[in-house]
Protein backbone atom coordinates (compact mmCIF):
# COMPACT_ATOMS: atom_id res chain seq x y z
CA MET A 1 26.44 -124.87 95.82
CA ASN A 2 24.55 -124.76 92.40
CA VAL A 3 23.64 -121.28 91.83
CA LYS A 4 21.20 -122.77 90.27
CA ASP A 5 19.96 -123.77 93.56
CA CYS A 6 20.01 -120.06 94.96
CA ILE A 7 16.32 -119.12 96.57
CA VAL A 8 15.21 -115.86 97.39
CA GLY A 9 11.89 -114.94 98.97
CA ILE A 10 9.71 -112.01 97.59
CA ASP A 11 6.41 -109.76 99.55
CA LEU A 12 4.55 -108.58 96.64
CA GLY A 13 3.06 -105.57 97.79
CA THR A 14 0.25 -103.03 97.67
CA THR A 15 2.36 -99.88 98.21
CA ASN A 16 6.16 -101.52 98.75
CA SER A 17 7.88 -104.75 97.66
CA GLU A 18 10.49 -106.46 99.07
CA VAL A 19 12.86 -109.78 98.04
CA ALA A 20 15.04 -111.86 100.89
CA ALA A 21 17.28 -114.39 100.75
CA PHE A 22 20.48 -116.11 103.09
CA VAL A 23 23.01 -114.35 103.89
CA ASP A 24 26.13 -114.43 106.70
CA GLY A 25 23.91 -117.14 108.81
CA GLN A 26 20.43 -115.95 108.06
CA PRO A 27 17.71 -114.20 106.68
CA GLN A 28 18.18 -110.84 105.64
CA VAL A 29 15.81 -108.32 103.25
CA LEU A 30 18.28 -107.32 99.89
CA GLY A 31 18.26 -103.82 98.44
CA PRO A 32 20.15 -101.05 97.14
CA ASP A 33 18.04 -98.67 99.24
CA PRO A 34 18.72 -98.12 103.07
CA SER A 35 14.96 -99.34 103.50
CA LYS A 36 15.11 -102.24 101.47
CA MET A 37 11.72 -101.38 99.92
CA LEU A 38 10.92 -100.91 96.29
CA ALA A 39 7.67 -99.00 95.51
CA SER A 40 4.95 -100.95 94.01
CA CYS A 41 4.73 -98.22 91.18
CA VAL A 42 4.68 -98.54 87.32
CA GLY A 43 5.70 -96.16 85.03
CA ILE A 44 6.83 -94.62 81.28
CA SER A 45 8.44 -91.08 81.21
CA PRO A 46 7.03 -88.71 78.93
CA THR A 47 10.64 -90.08 76.98
CA GLY A 48 9.65 -93.36 76.84
CA GLU A 49 11.47 -94.75 79.41
CA MET A 50 10.19 -97.27 82.00
CA LEU A 51 10.79 -96.26 85.54
CA ILE A 52 10.19 -99.05 88.50
CA GLY A 53 10.16 -98.41 92.24
CA ASP A 54 10.74 -94.86 93.49
CA ALA A 55 11.14 -93.38 90.11
CA ALA A 56 8.25 -94.12 89.09
CA ARG A 57 6.53 -93.44 93.20
CA ASN A 58 8.27 -89.80 92.21
CA GLN A 59 6.55 -89.52 88.18
CA HIS A 60 3.38 -90.16 90.05
CA LEU A 61 3.31 -86.35 91.58
CA ILE A 62 3.76 -84.38 87.76
CA TYR A 63 2.25 -87.44 85.51
CA PRO A 64 -0.29 -89.71 87.52
CA ASP A 65 -1.82 -90.54 84.01
CA ARG A 66 1.49 -92.11 83.03
CA THR A 67 1.77 -94.42 86.75
CA ILE A 68 0.45 -97.61 87.93
CA ARG A 69 0.17 -97.97 91.02
CA SER A 70 -1.50 -100.07 93.99
CA VAL A 71 -1.32 -102.89 91.30
CA LYS A 72 -1.88 -105.83 93.67
CA ARG A 73 -5.48 -105.00 94.36
CA LYS A 74 -6.22 -106.17 90.37
CA MET A 75 -4.61 -109.31 90.51
CA GLY A 76 -6.82 -111.70 89.23
CA SER A 77 -9.62 -109.23 87.76
CA ASP A 78 -9.71 -108.37 84.33
CA GLU A 79 -8.61 -105.46 84.42
CA VAL A 80 -6.17 -103.84 82.05
CA PHE A 81 -3.67 -100.80 82.51
CA THR A 82 -2.72 -98.02 79.51
CA LEU A 83 0.48 -96.58 79.83
CA ASP A 84 1.45 -94.39 76.13
CA GLY A 85 -0.74 -96.17 74.52
CA LYS A 86 0.45 -99.73 75.82
CA THR A 87 -1.71 -101.71 77.50
CA PHE A 88 -0.52 -104.66 80.36
CA SER A 89 -2.22 -107.39 82.94
CA PRO A 90 -2.14 -106.51 85.94
CA PRO A 91 0.72 -110.21 86.45
CA GLU A 92 2.59 -107.98 83.00
CA ILE A 93 2.81 -105.33 85.86
CA SER A 94 3.50 -107.39 89.04
CA ALA A 95 6.35 -108.67 86.90
CA LEU A 96 7.66 -105.78 86.00
CA ILE A 97 8.21 -105.50 89.70
CA LEU A 98 9.52 -108.74 90.54
CA ARG A 99 12.29 -108.26 87.76
CA GLU A 100 13.89 -105.73 89.75
CA LEU A 101 13.50 -107.23 92.65
CA VAL A 102 15.34 -110.54 91.14
CA GLN A 103 17.92 -107.35 90.09
CA TRP A 104 18.95 -106.47 92.70
CA ALA A 105 18.73 -109.92 94.47
CA GLN A 106 21.83 -111.07 92.15
CA GLU A 107 23.06 -107.95 92.90
CA ALA A 108 24.41 -108.54 96.18
CA LEU A 109 24.41 -111.91 95.59
CA GLN A 110 26.87 -111.98 92.97
CA CYS A 111 24.81 -115.10 91.79
CA PRO A 112 21.86 -115.69 88.96
CA VAL A 113 18.33 -115.95 90.33
CA GLN A 114 15.83 -118.22 88.92
CA LYS A 115 13.42 -119.08 91.68
CA ALA A 116 11.39 -117.56 94.58
CA VAL A 117 9.32 -118.14 97.57
CA ILE A 118 6.15 -115.83 96.41
CA THR A 119 3.67 -114.46 98.73
CA VAL A 120 -0.02 -113.69 99.36
CA PRO A 121 -3.13 -112.48 101.39
CA ALA A 122 -3.81 -116.35 102.82
CA TYR A 123 -7.58 -114.99 101.92
CA PHE A 124 -6.48 -114.60 98.04
CA SER A 125 -8.35 -116.74 95.58
CA ASP A 126 -7.41 -119.34 93.28
CA ALA A 127 -7.47 -116.82 90.30
CA GLN A 128 -5.89 -114.26 92.27
CA ARG A 129 -2.81 -117.35 93.44
CA GLN A 130 -2.82 -118.09 89.81
CA ALA A 131 -2.13 -114.08 88.46
CA THR A 132 0.74 -113.77 91.14
CA ARG A 133 2.16 -117.35 90.02
CA GLU A 134 1.74 -115.99 86.52
CA ALA A 135 3.91 -113.15 86.85
CA GLY A 136 6.17 -114.79 88.52
CA GLU A 137 6.82 -116.84 86.00
CA LEU A 138 6.75 -113.64 83.84
CA ALA A 139 9.87 -112.37 85.33
CA GLY A 140 11.70 -115.53 84.07
CA LEU A 141 11.34 -117.28 87.63
CA GLU A 142 10.26 -120.51 89.21
CA VAL A 143 7.66 -119.93 91.40
CA VAL A 144 8.95 -123.01 94.15
CA ARG A 145 6.10 -121.63 96.89
CA ILE A 146 3.04 -119.89 96.85
CA LEU A 147 3.15 -118.42 100.97
CA ASN A 148 0.52 -117.53 102.89
CA GLU A 149 1.53 -114.03 104.21
CA PRO A 150 0.16 -114.95 107.46
CA THR A 151 2.84 -118.16 107.71
CA ALA A 152 5.93 -116.01 106.69
CA ALA A 153 4.86 -113.64 109.64
CA SER A 154 4.81 -115.87 111.70
CA LEU A 155 7.82 -117.87 110.92
CA ALA A 156 9.74 -114.00 111.00
CA TYR A 157 8.57 -113.53 114.74
CA GLY A 158 9.75 -117.24 115.75
CA CYS A 159 6.88 -118.67 116.80
CA ASN A 160 7.86 -121.88 116.17
CA ASP A 161 8.29 -122.68 120.34
CA PRO A 162 8.36 -127.21 121.25
CA SER A 163 4.87 -126.46 122.66
CA GLN A 164 1.19 -126.00 120.87
CA ARG A 165 0.93 -122.53 120.49
CA THR A 166 -2.39 -119.80 118.58
CA VAL A 167 -1.37 -117.25 117.23
CA MET A 168 -3.54 -114.35 115.36
CA VAL A 169 -1.85 -112.17 112.20
CA TYR A 170 -2.90 -108.63 111.98
CA ASP A 171 -1.71 -107.38 108.52
CA LEU A 172 -2.84 -104.39 107.43
CA GLY A 173 -0.75 -102.80 104.77
CA GLY A 174 -0.87 -100.26 102.17
CA GLY A 175 -3.60 -101.74 100.02
CA THR A 176 -5.76 -104.29 101.05
CA PHE A 177 -5.93 -105.93 105.58
CA ASP A 178 -6.34 -109.60 106.40
CA VAL A 179 -6.71 -111.75 110.06
CA SER A 180 -5.68 -114.99 109.70
CA ILE A 181 -5.67 -117.11 113.27
CA VAL A 182 -2.57 -119.81 113.04
CA SER A 183 -1.38 -122.88 115.03
CA ILE A 184 2.00 -123.79 115.28
CA GLU A 185 2.98 -127.17 116.85
CA GLY A 186 6.64 -127.77 116.20
CA ASP A 187 7.79 -127.40 112.34
CA VAL A 188 3.97 -127.51 111.48
CA THR A 189 2.48 -123.88 110.63
CA GLU A 190 -1.33 -124.46 109.64
CA VAL A 191 -3.26 -121.16 109.14
CA LEU A 192 -6.85 -122.58 110.78
CA ALA A 193 -9.49 -119.57 109.12
CA SER A 194 -8.23 -116.50 107.78
CA HIS A 195 -10.56 -113.07 106.51
CA GLY A 196 -10.15 -109.59 105.50
CA ASN A 197 -10.41 -107.00 103.13
CA ASN A 198 -9.19 -106.70 99.92
CA GLN A 199 -10.36 -103.53 99.96
CA LEU A 200 -8.94 -101.89 102.71
CA GLY A 201 -5.35 -100.40 103.82
CA GLY A 202 -3.24 -97.41 104.07
CA ASP A 203 -4.34 -96.36 100.69
CA ASP A 204 -7.99 -95.77 102.74
CA PHE A 205 -6.62 -93.77 104.95
CA ASP A 206 -4.35 -92.14 102.47
CA GLN A 207 -7.87 -90.94 101.05
CA LEU A 208 -9.86 -89.85 103.54
CA LEU A 209 -6.58 -87.42 104.84
CA LEU A 210 -6.82 -86.32 100.93
CA ASP A 211 -10.77 -85.94 101.14
CA ARG A 212 -10.17 -83.42 104.23
CA LEU A 213 -7.01 -81.03 102.82
CA LEU A 214 -9.68 -80.38 99.96
CA GLU A 215 -12.16 -79.73 101.95
CA THR A 216 -10.26 -77.15 103.54
CA PHE A 217 -8.87 -75.53 100.50
CA GLN A 218 -12.21 -75.17 99.17
CA LYS A 219 -13.68 -73.48 102.52
CA GLU A 220 -10.72 -71.26 102.43
CA HIS A 221 -10.78 -70.72 98.17
CA HIS A 222 -13.72 -71.50 97.04
CA ILE A 223 -12.07 -74.04 94.12
CA ASP A 224 -12.67 -77.83 94.31
CA LEU A 225 -9.04 -78.97 92.87
CA LYS A 226 -10.41 -82.19 92.45
CA ASP A 227 -11.85 -80.50 89.14
CA ARG A 228 -8.49 -79.36 88.49
CA GLN A 229 -5.51 -80.75 86.82
CA PRO A 230 -3.85 -84.50 87.87
CA SER A 231 -0.90 -82.75 89.25
CA VAL A 232 -2.44 -81.49 91.65
CA TYR A 233 -4.38 -84.16 92.99
CA SER A 234 -1.39 -86.06 92.92
CA ARG A 235 0.84 -83.30 95.25
CA LEU A 236 -2.30 -83.49 97.32
CA ARG A 237 -2.40 -87.50 97.96
CA TRP A 238 0.95 -87.65 98.22
CA ALA A 239 0.81 -84.98 101.13
CA ALA A 240 -1.39 -86.79 102.65
CA GLU A 241 0.52 -89.99 102.27
CA GLU A 242 3.66 -88.07 104.57
CA ALA A 243 1.34 -86.73 106.39
CA LYS A 244 -0.09 -90.25 107.59
CA LYS A 245 3.23 -91.48 108.02
CA ARG A 246 4.88 -89.62 110.38
CA LEU A 247 1.66 -89.48 112.58
CA SER A 248 2.64 -92.43 113.15
CA SER A 249 5.29 -91.31 115.38
CA GLU A 250 4.51 -87.12 116.27
CA THR A 251 1.55 -85.84 117.62
CA HIS A 252 0.77 -83.18 114.84
CA VAL A 253 1.77 -82.36 111.97
CA ARG A 254 2.22 -79.24 109.40
CA ILE A 255 0.46 -80.05 106.03
CA ARG A 256 1.70 -76.72 103.55
CA GLU A 257 1.27 -77.00 99.69
CA GLU A 258 2.23 -73.74 97.80
CA ALA A 259 0.62 -72.27 94.82
CA LEU A 260 -1.54 -75.05 94.22
CA VAL A 261 -3.59 -73.34 91.41
CA SER A 262 -3.56 -69.39 90.51
CA GLU A 263 -6.63 -67.77 90.52
CA LYS A 264 -6.36 -63.85 88.62
CA GLY A 265 -2.80 -64.04 88.66
CA LYS A 266 -2.52 -65.24 92.11
CA PRO A 267 -0.58 -68.04 94.04
CA LEU A 268 -3.29 -70.00 95.97
CA HIS A 269 -1.07 -72.41 98.96
CA LEU A 270 -3.29 -75.07 101.51
CA ASP A 271 -1.60 -74.37 105.26
CA ILE A 272 -2.91 -76.71 107.84
CA GLU A 273 -2.55 -78.86 110.63
CA ILE A 274 -3.69 -81.70 111.75
CA GLY A 275 -2.92 -83.24 115.10
CA ARG A 276 -2.85 -87.42 115.49
CA SER A 277 -6.41 -88.01 117.74
CA ASP A 278 -7.87 -85.48 114.79
CA PHE A 279 -7.06 -88.01 111.96
CA GLU A 280 -7.66 -91.04 114.26
CA GLU A 281 -10.58 -90.04 114.06
CA MET A 282 -11.24 -89.75 110.68
CA ILE A 283 -9.97 -93.11 110.37
CA ARG A 284 -11.79 -94.94 112.64
CA ALA A 285 -14.99 -96.69 111.58
CA LEU A 286 -12.24 -98.16 109.09
CA VAL A 287 -10.59 -99.50 111.87
CA ASP A 288 -13.25 -100.43 113.79
CA SER A 289 -14.03 -102.53 110.85
CA THR A 290 -11.30 -104.82 110.67
CA LEU A 291 -12.69 -106.24 114.31
CA GLU A 292 -15.64 -107.82 112.54
CA SER A 293 -12.86 -110.01 110.24
CA VAL A 294 -10.81 -109.99 113.68
CA PHE A 295 -13.76 -111.83 115.98
CA GLN A 296 -14.75 -113.37 112.34
CA ALA A 297 -11.80 -115.44 112.09
CA LEU A 298 -12.24 -116.53 115.45
CA ASP A 299 -14.89 -117.91 115.47
CA ASP A 300 -14.37 -119.45 112.15
CA ALA A 301 -11.26 -121.22 113.63
CA GLY A 302 -13.30 -122.20 116.57
CA LYS A 303 -11.06 -120.51 119.11
CA ARG A 304 -12.11 -117.95 121.23
CA ALA A 305 -9.85 -114.72 122.32
CA ASP A 306 -8.39 -115.91 125.55
CA GLU A 307 -6.74 -119.06 123.70
CA LEU A 308 -4.71 -116.95 121.37
CA ASP A 309 -1.00 -116.53 122.61
CA VAL A 310 0.15 -113.77 120.93
CA ILE A 311 -0.70 -111.70 117.99
CA LEU A 312 1.76 -110.36 115.69
CA LEU A 313 1.62 -107.13 114.37
CA VAL A 314 2.48 -107.69 109.76
CA GLY A 315 2.36 -104.29 107.52
CA GLY A 316 3.34 -100.29 108.14
CA SER A 317 -0.17 -99.35 108.34
CA THR A 318 0.16 -101.16 112.08
CA ARG A 319 2.39 -98.76 113.09
CA MET A 320 -0.66 -96.29 113.76
CA PRO A 321 -0.93 -96.19 117.95
CA LEU A 322 -3.94 -96.42 116.93
CA ILE A 323 -4.53 -100.14 115.69
CA ARG A 324 -2.37 -101.68 119.24
CA ASP A 325 -4.17 -99.55 121.38
CA MET A 326 -7.25 -101.20 119.42
CA LEU A 327 -6.01 -104.86 119.76
CA GLU A 328 -5.06 -104.80 123.05
CA GLU A 329 -8.02 -102.74 124.30
CA ARG A 330 -10.96 -105.39 122.15
CA VAL A 331 -9.00 -108.27 122.58
CA GLY A 332 -6.58 -108.67 125.41
CA ALA A 333 -4.00 -110.62 124.15
CA THR A 334 -0.49 -109.67 123.99
CA VAL A 335 0.89 -107.25 121.36
CA ARG A 336 4.07 -108.14 119.44
CA GLN A 337 5.81 -105.57 116.31
CA ASP A 338 9.26 -106.31 117.28
CA VAL A 339 10.05 -107.58 113.67
CA HIS A 340 10.04 -104.85 111.14
CA PRO A 341 6.40 -104.28 110.21
CA ASP A 342 6.79 -103.68 106.54
CA LEU A 343 9.46 -106.22 105.85
CA CYS A 344 8.68 -108.66 108.54
CA VAL A 345 6.51 -110.69 106.07
CA ALA A 346 9.87 -111.13 103.03
CA LEU A 347 11.91 -111.63 105.98
CA GLY A 348 9.05 -114.93 106.61
CA ALA A 349 9.74 -115.98 102.43
CA GLY A 350 13.44 -115.74 102.94
CA LEU A 351 13.54 -118.14 105.77
CA LEU A 352 11.88 -120.34 103.90
CA ALA A 353 13.78 -119.62 101.09
CA SER A 354 16.82 -120.53 103.03
CA ARG A 355 15.05 -124.36 104.81
CA LEU A 356 14.44 -125.23 100.55
CA GLN A 357 18.15 -124.22 100.04
CA GLY A 358 18.69 -127.25 102.83
CA HIS A 359 20.16 -123.86 105.25
CA ASP A 360 19.04 -124.84 108.83
CA VAL A 361 17.64 -121.54 109.65
CA ASP A 362 15.24 -121.35 112.93
CA ARG A 363 14.04 -117.59 113.42
CA VAL A 364 14.98 -114.31 112.21
CA LEU A 365 17.33 -111.84 114.12
CA VAL A 366 16.77 -108.38 114.43
CA ASP A 367 17.61 -105.81 116.24
CA ILE A 368 14.60 -104.45 118.92
CA SER A 369 14.44 -101.91 122.24
CA PRO A 370 14.60 -104.91 125.46
CA TYR A 371 13.07 -102.42 127.68
CA SER A 372 10.08 -99.82 127.25
CA PHE A 373 10.70 -95.88 128.04
CA GLY A 374 8.88 -92.69 128.82
CA PRO A 375 8.60 -89.79 131.22
CA SER A 376 7.31 -88.87 134.02
CA TYR A 377 3.63 -86.99 133.98
CA LEU A 378 0.67 -85.50 135.86
CA GLY A 379 -2.14 -87.67 135.98
CA VAL A 380 -4.42 -89.73 137.47
CA GLN A 381 -3.66 -93.09 139.54
CA ALA A 382 -5.68 -95.12 141.88
CA GLY A 383 -8.24 -93.01 141.90
CA ARG A 384 -6.26 -89.66 142.20
CA GLN A 385 -4.47 -86.72 141.02
CA TYR A 386 -0.27 -88.77 141.27
CA ARG A 387 2.66 -86.55 139.84
CA HIS A 388 4.66 -89.51 139.29
CA CYS A 389 2.47 -91.22 136.33
CA TYR A 390 4.11 -93.26 133.77
CA HIS A 391 2.81 -94.18 130.05
CA PRO A 392 5.73 -95.79 127.82
CA ILE A 393 6.67 -93.75 124.58
CA ILE A 394 8.86 -96.29 123.15
CA LYS A 395 7.45 -99.70 124.15
CA ARG A 396 9.88 -102.65 124.29
CA ASN A 397 10.43 -105.02 122.11
CA THR A 398 9.53 -102.25 119.22
CA PRO A 399 12.15 -102.83 116.38
CA LEU A 400 15.58 -100.43 116.01
CA PRO A 401 15.72 -97.34 115.19
CA ILE A 402 12.79 -95.65 116.02
CA THR A 403 11.57 -92.32 117.27
CA ARG A 404 8.20 -91.49 118.57
CA THR A 405 6.40 -88.05 119.63
CA ASP A 406 3.71 -87.83 122.53
CA ARG A 407 1.91 -84.82 123.91
CA TYR A 408 1.98 -83.91 127.36
CA PHE A 409 0.64 -80.52 129.24
CA THR A 410 1.93 -78.49 131.54
CA ALA A 411 0.51 -78.70 135.28
CA GLY A 412 -0.96 -75.44 135.53
CA PRO A 413 -1.50 -71.74 134.72
CA TYR A 414 1.07 -69.49 133.97
CA GLN A 415 3.61 -72.67 134.23
CA LYS A 416 7.17 -71.34 132.80
CA ARG A 417 9.24 -74.37 133.24
CA VAL A 418 9.01 -78.31 133.33
CA GLU A 419 11.39 -80.51 135.03
CA ILE A 420 11.54 -83.86 132.27
CA GLU A 421 12.24 -87.08 134.16
CA ILE A 422 12.77 -90.24 132.07
CA PHE A 423 12.33 -93.54 133.19
CA GLN A 424 13.02 -96.67 132.29
CA GLY A 425 10.18 -99.44 133.08
CA GLU A 426 6.69 -101.34 132.36
CA ASP A 427 4.92 -100.08 135.49
CA PRO A 428 2.72 -97.09 135.72
CA ASP A 429 4.40 -95.94 138.55
CA ALA A 430 7.42 -94.22 137.25
CA LEU A 431 9.04 -94.17 140.65
CA LYS A 432 9.19 -97.90 140.76
CA ASN A 433 11.34 -97.85 137.33
CA LEU A 434 14.60 -96.34 137.04
CA LEU A 435 15.37 -93.15 136.23
CA VAL A 436 18.00 -92.87 133.53
CA GLY A 437 17.65 -89.28 132.75
CA LYS A 438 16.53 -85.61 133.44
CA PHE A 439 16.80 -81.96 132.09
CA ASN A 440 15.02 -78.73 132.92
CA VAL A 441 12.70 -77.17 129.68
CA GLU A 442 12.56 -72.81 131.12
CA GLY A 443 11.09 -69.72 129.76
CA LEU A 444 7.88 -71.43 128.74
CA THR A 445 5.11 -69.00 127.61
CA PRO A 446 2.84 -67.79 130.15
CA VAL A 447 -0.58 -68.83 129.97
CA ALA A 448 -3.75 -69.02 131.87
CA GLU A 449 -4.58 -72.36 129.62
CA GLU A 450 -2.74 -75.36 129.52
CA ASN A 451 1.00 -75.43 127.63
CA GLU A 452 1.50 -78.07 125.47
CA VAL A 453 5.04 -79.80 125.53
CA LEU A 454 6.08 -82.88 122.42
CA CYS A 455 8.66 -85.21 123.87
CA ARG A 456 10.55 -86.89 120.89
CA MET A 457 12.26 -90.40 122.13
CA SER A 458 14.56 -91.87 119.19
CA LEU A 459 16.73 -94.96 120.00
CA ASP A 460 18.83 -96.25 117.55
CA LEU A 461 21.13 -99.21 116.70
CA ASP A 462 23.79 -98.75 119.54
CA GLY A 463 21.10 -97.49 122.55
CA ILE A 464 21.09 -93.78 122.06
CA LEU A 465 18.83 -92.87 123.42
CA LYS A 466 17.85 -88.65 122.64
CA VAL A 467 14.84 -87.25 124.08
CA GLU A 468 13.49 -83.64 123.10
CA ALA A 469 10.51 -81.74 124.28
CA VAL A 470 9.92 -78.86 122.81
CA GLU A 471 7.04 -76.21 123.23
CA LYS A 472 4.62 -76.58 120.51
CA ARG A 473 3.10 -73.24 120.41
CA THR A 474 6.92 -71.49 120.03
CA GLY A 475 9.06 -74.35 119.30
CA LEU A 476 11.46 -73.72 122.15
CA SER A 477 13.36 -77.26 123.34
CA LYS A 478 15.74 -78.63 125.13
CA HIS A 479 16.87 -81.85 124.10
CA ILE A 480 19.55 -84.59 126.33
CA THR A 481 21.18 -86.96 125.03
CA ILE A 482 21.74 -90.87 127.15
CA ASN A 483 24.09 -93.78 125.65
CA ASP A 484 23.80 -97.07 126.75
CA ALA A 485 20.23 -96.54 127.01
CA ILE A 486 19.78 -100.39 126.28
CA LYS A 487 22.53 -101.99 127.90
CA THR A 488 22.05 -104.47 130.73
CA LYS A 489 22.72 -102.70 133.74
CA SER A 490 25.14 -103.84 135.93
CA PRO A 491 24.96 -105.34 139.53
CA GLU A 492 26.40 -101.63 141.04
CA GLU A 493 23.61 -99.55 138.75
CA MET A 494 20.86 -102.07 140.50
CA ALA A 495 21.76 -101.55 143.93
CA ARG A 496 21.62 -97.76 143.64
CA ALA A 497 18.78 -97.93 141.42
CA ARG A 498 17.69 -100.09 145.48
CA ALA A 499 18.50 -97.28 146.87
CA ARG A 500 16.61 -94.63 145.75
CA LEU A 501 13.55 -96.98 145.23
CA GLU A 502 14.16 -97.28 149.61
CA GLN A 503 15.09 -93.94 149.85
CA LEU A 504 11.20 -92.89 147.87
CA TYR A 505 9.55 -95.70 149.51
CA PRO A 506 11.31 -95.96 152.92
CA ALA A 507 10.60 -99.41 155.11
CA HIS A 508 11.19 -97.25 158.21
CA ALA A 509 8.22 -94.56 157.62
CA GLY A 510 8.98 -94.18 161.29
CA GLU A 511 12.52 -92.75 161.66
CA ASP A 512 11.02 -89.71 159.01
CA ALA A 513 8.69 -89.36 161.20
CA ALA A 514 11.14 -88.57 163.78
CA GLU A 515 13.02 -86.47 161.88
CA TYR A 516 10.83 -84.08 160.51
CA ASP A 517 8.90 -83.71 164.51
CA THR A 518 12.62 -82.52 164.49
CA ILE A 519 12.77 -80.02 162.00
CA GLU A 520 8.81 -78.67 162.86
CA ALA A 521 10.86 -77.77 166.75
CA GLN A 522 13.72 -76.36 165.29
CA PHE A 523 11.18 -74.33 163.31
CA GLU A 524 9.05 -73.35 166.21
CA GLU A 525 11.97 -72.66 168.48
CA SER A 526 13.62 -69.89 165.92
CA LYS A 527 9.96 -68.52 166.13
CA GLU A 528 10.16 -67.15 170.04
CA SER A 529 13.14 -64.64 169.83
CA PRO A 530 12.11 -63.25 166.41
CA THR A 531 14.99 -60.96 164.87
CA PRO A 532 13.07 -57.27 163.60
CA LEU A 533 12.17 -57.99 159.75
CA ASP A 534 11.94 -55.81 156.58
CA PRO A 535 7.87 -55.68 156.19
CA GLN A 536 7.86 -57.39 152.29
CA LEU A 537 9.69 -60.26 154.10
CA THR A 538 7.45 -60.09 157.02
CA ALA A 539 4.16 -60.04 154.80
CA ARG A 540 6.35 -63.46 153.39
CA ILE A 541 6.82 -65.27 156.11
CA ARG A 542 2.76 -65.31 157.28
CA GLU A 543 1.94 -66.08 153.59
CA ALA A 544 4.70 -69.48 153.72
CA GLU A 545 3.71 -70.07 157.54
CA SER A 546 -0.48 -70.00 155.75
CA LEU A 547 1.00 -73.00 153.41
CA LEU A 548 2.24 -74.42 156.05
CA ASP A 549 -0.42 -75.38 158.40
CA ARG A 550 -2.55 -76.00 155.03
CA SER A 551 0.28 -78.83 153.84
CA ARG A 552 0.64 -80.21 157.37
CA ALA A 553 -3.19 -80.85 157.75
CA LEU A 554 -2.77 -82.92 154.54
CA LEU A 555 -0.05 -85.17 155.36
CA ASP A 556 -1.42 -88.05 156.94
CA GLY A 557 -3.84 -88.87 153.06
CA MET A 558 -1.18 -87.80 150.91
CA HIS A 559 1.08 -90.25 149.16
CA ASP A 560 4.73 -91.21 150.76
CA ASP A 561 6.80 -89.10 147.46
CA ASP A 562 4.59 -86.04 147.63
CA LYS A 563 4.85 -86.25 151.92
CA GLU A 564 8.74 -86.90 151.00
CA GLU A 565 8.55 -83.63 148.46
CA ILE A 566 6.36 -81.27 151.24
CA ILE A 567 8.91 -82.38 153.64
CA ASP A 568 11.24 -81.17 151.60
CA LEU A 569 10.36 -77.91 151.17
CA HIS A 570 8.38 -76.97 154.45
CA GLU A 571 12.28 -77.24 155.81
CA ARG A 572 13.42 -75.11 152.82
CA ILE A 573 11.26 -71.78 153.92
CA GLN A 574 12.37 -72.64 157.72
CA GLU A 575 15.45 -72.47 156.37
CA ALA A 576 14.77 -69.70 154.62
CA ILE A 577 13.02 -67.90 157.57
CA VAL A 578 15.72 -68.11 160.05
CA ALA A 579 18.43 -67.03 157.33
CA GLN A 580 16.08 -64.59 155.90
CA GLU A 581 17.33 -64.89 152.71
CA GLN A 582 13.55 -63.45 150.64
CA GLU A 583 14.64 -64.71 147.92
CA THR A 584 14.59 -68.05 148.19
CA LEU A 585 11.30 -68.14 150.89
CA CYS A 586 10.07 -66.69 147.89
CA SER A 587 11.04 -69.70 145.51
CA ALA A 588 9.70 -72.17 147.88
CA ILE A 589 6.66 -70.37 148.26
CA ASN A 590 6.14 -70.80 145.01
CA GLU A 591 6.80 -75.07 144.70
CA LEU A 592 4.53 -75.58 147.49
CA LYS A 593 1.84 -73.89 146.34
CA GLU A 594 2.15 -75.63 142.89
CA LEU A 595 2.45 -78.88 144.72
CA LEU A 596 -0.28 -78.07 147.07
CA PHE A 597 -2.67 -77.10 143.99
CA PHE A 598 -1.94 -81.02 142.20
CA ILE A 599 -2.43 -82.03 145.61
CA GLU A 600 -6.07 -80.76 146.79
CA GLY A 601 -7.37 -81.34 143.12
CA LYS A 602 -8.16 -77.49 142.17
């Protein structure tokens, strides 16, 4: 192939930009950094050096007036930027970013790169599209195609099924929001309607969190940091952005910025904890506003929500759990995020570029988790408390590697121990999924209120699942590693899983009842000729008998798994009484008390 035929696909983004090309039989995102993303920032250092990418982004902390970011929002406008006394138009700044991406591609491909497919939001105006093409030409590229981002995303997701499909592409990036209704029939991908907001994105979520930090500092120290030097403001913006990213996988983040300013020779710090739920409340109005575009785009396309086959999530901001939850609840279609949200547009552009080069490429291959994983927990199912509820932390079809955290609470007051059981599957009843591992966390702080425990799960490309439970107030933690978590189960493993389910949901409940009656009869017989006991043990036996009577009265209305656990505890208590084992008896009594607490809903 002539090197002049080498074509790359470029996603010129608000926050980050990427370049992809045909390598080893499929499109791949290229770049020296493991993330494969170039920060869409340009700056000039105090020494006059041109900075592009992370170097410029890092400089923004100290010299925000010498750095330009989020230029995509200005494309198609007459606005100019001034750096070190020099003026630049938005296409010129974008051309500098494109030149850096071309350099990345040339180093990876070992050939000159002179042609490119560049993506733009579907709602970009003619002026914005022309400005993008101008940026490519200024970078020395022949722009062979301006490709709509939702079309690129649908290509990356491989939605070109033989039958016609109606797809919604929900693209929420760093600075722009775009929703498109796409019709796909064979090789034809058509955008039926688009709507969006070119002034809405991750930058706006950062600003809301930044405002909270500024407000907190002002309340504590009575100083408005907006009146201070730009570098202080920039530090907090950086902290807000990093906190936002972490809250997509963590339930809480601690933001600590030391010595932001000095007052009377004393350095003043910011130290605040933000919970995911707090952050979601801050941004909820903005997120909800995207639904207006969602339903407007459906209306413009002449489609109903129930006619959608799938919703594709694109853009880094769609990592926020709130986005997926909102779309599933309010729109109702299946939501997919099995292609890297930051890279899927570049991959789609790379796929089109590969086809324009003459390569036969059907779709992009990515590594995903084929299963969902999560712990069981005490919750409400069918209108009553149930000890084995299940909600996945890592959801199937999530791109790998992935780390996610969710928070849970102890079931009762003064609880010192929790057992964490990790399941694989989709059923809201954990016991109908596959148990993949379990471990205990002991030594929890005995407090009167609920104690918060964080469950963090990480799944890597090799299928190794790491699970960590952390007591939030102390940092006490325990973890396990589960190898081959995403490996297909063998017939023997499936048989064992079915056998376990059969034990939990026996087909012959009458046999269990007969066995239980036999145990009860043996216990009653042992009470007819008691041995003189220690007074303390006698008191414990009386307590146990009262609990046994109380729990027997509830057996008929119990869920099968609760009934099984009650019967097991009855056996342990009865055996301990016969053997006069006071320590074992006390332990079983406490467990039965806790279980009855759950069952009776007290």
